[in-house]
C-alpha atoms as a PDB file:
ATOM      1  CA  MET A   1     -44.740 -12.787 -24.044  1.00  0.00           C
ATOM      2  CA  PRO A   2     -45.270 -12.123 -26.874  1.00  0.00           C
ATOM      3  CA  ARG A   3     -46.765  -7.685 -27.440  1.00  0.00           C
ATOM      4  CA  GLY A   4     -50.415  -8.154 -28.137  1.00  0.00           C
ATOM      5  CA  ARG A   5     -51.933  -6.475 -31.740  1.00  0.00           C
ATOM      6  CA  LYS A   6     -52.147  -2.151 -32.623  1.00  0.00           C
ATOM      7  CA  TYR A   7     -55.318  -3.241 -35.301  1.00  0.00           C
ATOM      8  CA  PRO A   8     -58.381  -5.751 -35.060  1.00  0.00           C
ATOM      9  CA  GLN A   9     -57.180  -8.837 -37.129  1.00  0.00           C
ATOM     10  CA  GLU A  10     -60.344  -8.189 -38.799  1.00  0.00           C
ATOM     11  CA  LEU A  11     -59.691  -4.951 -39.796  1.00  0.00           C
ATOM     12  CA  ILE A  12     -56.169  -5.711 -41.347  1.00  0.00           C
ATOM     13  CA  ASP A  13     -58.232  -8.181 -43.489  1.00  0.00           C
ATOM     14  CA  ARG A  14     -60.775  -5.525 -44.977  1.00  0.00           C
ATOM     15  CA  GLY A  15     -57.508  -3.889 -45.945  1.00  0.00           C
ATOM     16  CA  VAL A  16     -55.819  -6.028 -47.423  1.00  0.00           C
ATOM     17  CA  ARG A  17     -58.466  -7.429 -49.335  1.00  0.00           C
ATOM     18  CA  LEU A  18     -59.301  -3.580 -50.749  1.00  0.00           C
ATOM     19  CA  ALA A  19     -56.003  -3.210 -51.926  1.00  0.00           C
ATOM     20  CA  LEU A  20     -56.085  -6.413 -53.619  1.00  0.00           C
ATOM     21  CA  GLU A  21     -59.934  -5.906 -55.774  1.00  0.00           C
ATOM     22  CA  SER A  22     -59.499  -1.806 -55.864  1.00  0.00           C
ATOM     23  CA  GLU A  23     -57.147   0.480 -57.545  1.00  0.00           C
ATOM     24  CA  ARG A  24     -56.344   2.942 -54.844  1.00  0.00           C
ATOM     25  CA  PRO A  25     -53.099   2.907 -52.752  1.00  0.00           C
ATOM     26  CA  ILE A  26     -52.634   1.504 -50.194  1.00  0.00           C
ATOM     27  CA  ALA A  27     -51.065   5.029 -47.907  1.00  0.00           C
ATOM     28  CA  GLN A  28     -55.165   5.975 -49.048  1.00  0.00           C
ATOM     29  CA  ILE A  29     -56.984   3.158 -47.951  1.00  0.00           C
ATOM     30  CA  ALA A  30     -55.314   2.483 -45.008  1.00  0.00           C
ATOM     31  CA  ALA A  31     -56.164   6.622 -44.388  1.00  0.00           C
ATOM     32  CA  ASP A  32     -59.542   5.764 -44.740  1.00  0.00           C
ATOM     33  CA  LEU A  33     -59.132   2.916 -41.960  1.00  0.00           C
ATOM     34  CA  GLY A  34     -57.581   4.370 -39.414  1.00  0.00           C
ATOM     35  CA  ILE A  35     -54.489   2.364 -39.560  1.00  0.00           C
ATOM     36  CA  HIS A  36     -50.572   3.373 -40.527  1.00  0.00           C
ATOM     37  CA  PRO A  37     -49.720   2.497 -44.142  1.00  0.00           C
ATOM     38  CA  GLU A  38     -46.209   0.497 -43.242  1.00  0.00           C
ATOM     39  CA  THR A  39     -48.483  -1.954 -42.197  1.00  0.00           C
ATOM     40  CA  LEU A  40     -51.011  -2.189 -43.861  1.00  0.00           C
ATOM     41  CA  ARG A  41     -48.528  -1.740 -47.358  1.00  0.00           C
ATOM     42  CA  LYS A  42     -45.550  -4.845 -45.893  1.00  0.00           C
ATOM     43  CA  ARG A  43     -49.770  -7.020 -44.550  1.00  0.00           C
ATOM     44  CA  VAL A  44     -50.568  -6.427 -48.311  1.00  0.00           C
ATOM     45  CA  ARG A  45     -47.077  -7.978 -49.654  1.00  0.00           C
ATOM     46  CA  GLN A  46     -46.934 -10.616 -47.598  1.00  0.00           C
ATOM     47  CA  ALA A  47     -50.530 -11.350 -48.992  1.00  0.00           C
ATOM     48  CA  GLU A  48     -49.099 -11.352 -52.089  1.00  0.00           C
ATOM     49  CA  ALA A  49     -46.451 -13.632 -51.534  1.00  0.00           C
ATOM     50  CA  ASP A  50     -49.144 -16.673 -50.072  1.00  0.00           C
ATOM     51  CA  SER A  51     -51.525 -15.842 -52.754  1.00  0.00           C
ATOM     52  CA  GLY A  52     -48.024 -16.736 -55.706  1.00  0.00           C
ATOM     53  CA  LYS A  53     -47.988 -13.344 -56.930  1.00  0.00           C
ATOM     54  CA  ARG A  54     -44.298 -12.785 -55.730  1.00  0.00           C
ATOM     55  CA  PRO A  55     -42.343 -15.688 -55.992  1.00  0.00           C
ATOM     56  CA  GLU A  56     -38.963 -13.698 -54.603  1.00  0.00           C
ATOM     57  CA  LEU A  57     -40.802 -13.412 -51.303  1.00  0.00           C
ATOM     58  CA  LEU A  58     -41.623 -16.141 -48.464  1.00  0.00           C
ATOM     59  CA  ALA A  59     -44.509 -17.319 -48.144  1.00  0.00           C
ATOM     60  CA  SER A  60     -46.316 -17.390 -44.556  1.00  0.00           C
ATOM     61  CA  GLN A  61     -45.617 -21.281 -44.227  1.00  0.00           C
ATOM     62  CA  GLU A  62     -42.829 -21.099 -44.715  1.00  0.00           C
ATOM     63  CA  ARG A  63     -41.976 -18.807 -42.657  1.00  0.00           C
ATOM     64  CA  GLU A  64     -42.803 -21.022 -39.667  1.00  0.00           C
ATOM     65  CA  GLU A  65     -40.404 -23.327 -41.329  1.00  0.00           C
ATOM     66  CA  ILE A  66     -38.347 -21.528 -41.149  1.00  0.00           C
ATOM     67  CA  ARG A  67     -38.968 -20.161 -37.757  1.00  0.00           C
ATOM     68  CA  ARG A  68     -39.512 -23.352 -36.676  1.00  0.00           C
ATOM     69  CA  LEU A  69     -35.835 -25.116 -38.184  1.00  0.00           C
ATOM     70  CA  ARG A  70     -34.218 -21.975 -36.247  1.00  0.00           C
ATOM     71  CA  LYS A  71     -35.652 -22.811 -32.588  1.00  0.00           C
ATOM     72  CA  GLU A  72     -34.521 -26.441 -33.248  1.00  0.00           C
ATOM     73  CA  ASN A  73     -30.805 -25.807 -34.351  1.00  0.00           C
ATOM     74  CA  TYR A  74     -30.279 -23.664 -31.088  1.00  0.00           C
ATOM     75  CA  GLU A  75     -31.641 -26.685 -29.265  1.00  0.00           C
ATOM     76  CA  LEU A  76     -29.494 -29.439 -31.045  1.00  0.00           C
ATOM     77  CA  ARG A  77     -26.688 -26.918 -30.523  1.00  0.00           C
ATOM     78  CA  ARG A  78     -27.149 -25.949 -27.261  1.00  0.00           C
ATOM     79  CA  ALA A  79     -27.932 -29.214 -26.477  1.00  0.00           C
ATOM     80  CA  ASN A  80     -24.400 -30.739 -28.011  1.00  0.00           C
ATOM     81  CA  GLU A  81     -22.541 -27.894 -25.934  1.00  0.00           C
ATOM     82  CA  ILE A  82     -23.373 -29.560 -22.639  1.00  0.00           C
ATOM     83  CA  LEU A  83     -22.642 -32.989 -23.803  1.00  0.00           C
ATOM     84  CA  LYS A  84     -19.374 -32.042 -24.937  1.00  0.00           C
ATOM     85  CA  SER A  85     -19.107 -30.246 -20.901  1.00  0.00           C
ATOM     86  CA  ALA A  86     -20.271 -33.415 -19.677  1.00  0.00           C
ATOM     87  CA  SER A  87     -18.196 -35.644 -21.586  1.00  0.00           C
ATOM     88  CA  LEU A  88     -15.326 -34.002 -20.370  1.00  0.00           C
ATOM     89  CA  PHE A  89     -16.637 -33.264 -16.802  1.00  0.00           C
ATOM     90  CA  PHE A  90     -16.274 -37.493 -16.493  1.00  0.00           C
ATOM     91  CA  ALA A  91     -12.954 -38.132 -18.653  1.00  0.00           C
ATOM     92  CA  ARG A  92     -11.028 -35.552 -16.087  1.00  0.00           C
ATOM     93  CA  GLU A  93     -12.852 -38.026 -13.612  1.00  0.00           C
ATOM     94  CA  LEU A  94     -11.420 -41.315 -15.306  1.00  0.00           C
ATOM     95  CA  ASP A  95      -8.490 -39.797 -16.230  1.00  0.00           C
ATOM     96  CA  PRO A  96      -7.089 -37.457 -13.589  1.00  0.00           C
ATOM     97  CA  ASP A  97      -3.620 -37.348 -15.199  1.00  0.00           C
ATOM     98  CA  ARG A  98      -4.819 -36.890 -18.555  1.00  0.00           C
ATOM     99  CA  PRO A  99      -3.756 -32.897 -19.708  1.00  0.00           C
ATOM    100  CA  LYS A 100      -5.838 -30.489 -20.199  1.00  0.00           C
END
């Protein structure tokens, strides 16, 4: 079960928009909105990555694709291990004299 959000998404979006549009420091904007500065800083960096201003960071779509591929990779490895175990089991059943 995913953890609940501490701050409403609208508040975070407003803070990100203020940080990107104004010259005020992120810490000051976060204090005004009652958000932890690190939370707002991470969201601002992610918004910059999504818009292409920070090419060294992964965009949200890329992060989601990597997460999906890792999950798929895990499932395929798990299925492969099950198939290996099953093939060994049936090989022993067919040829009991076979070395282990």
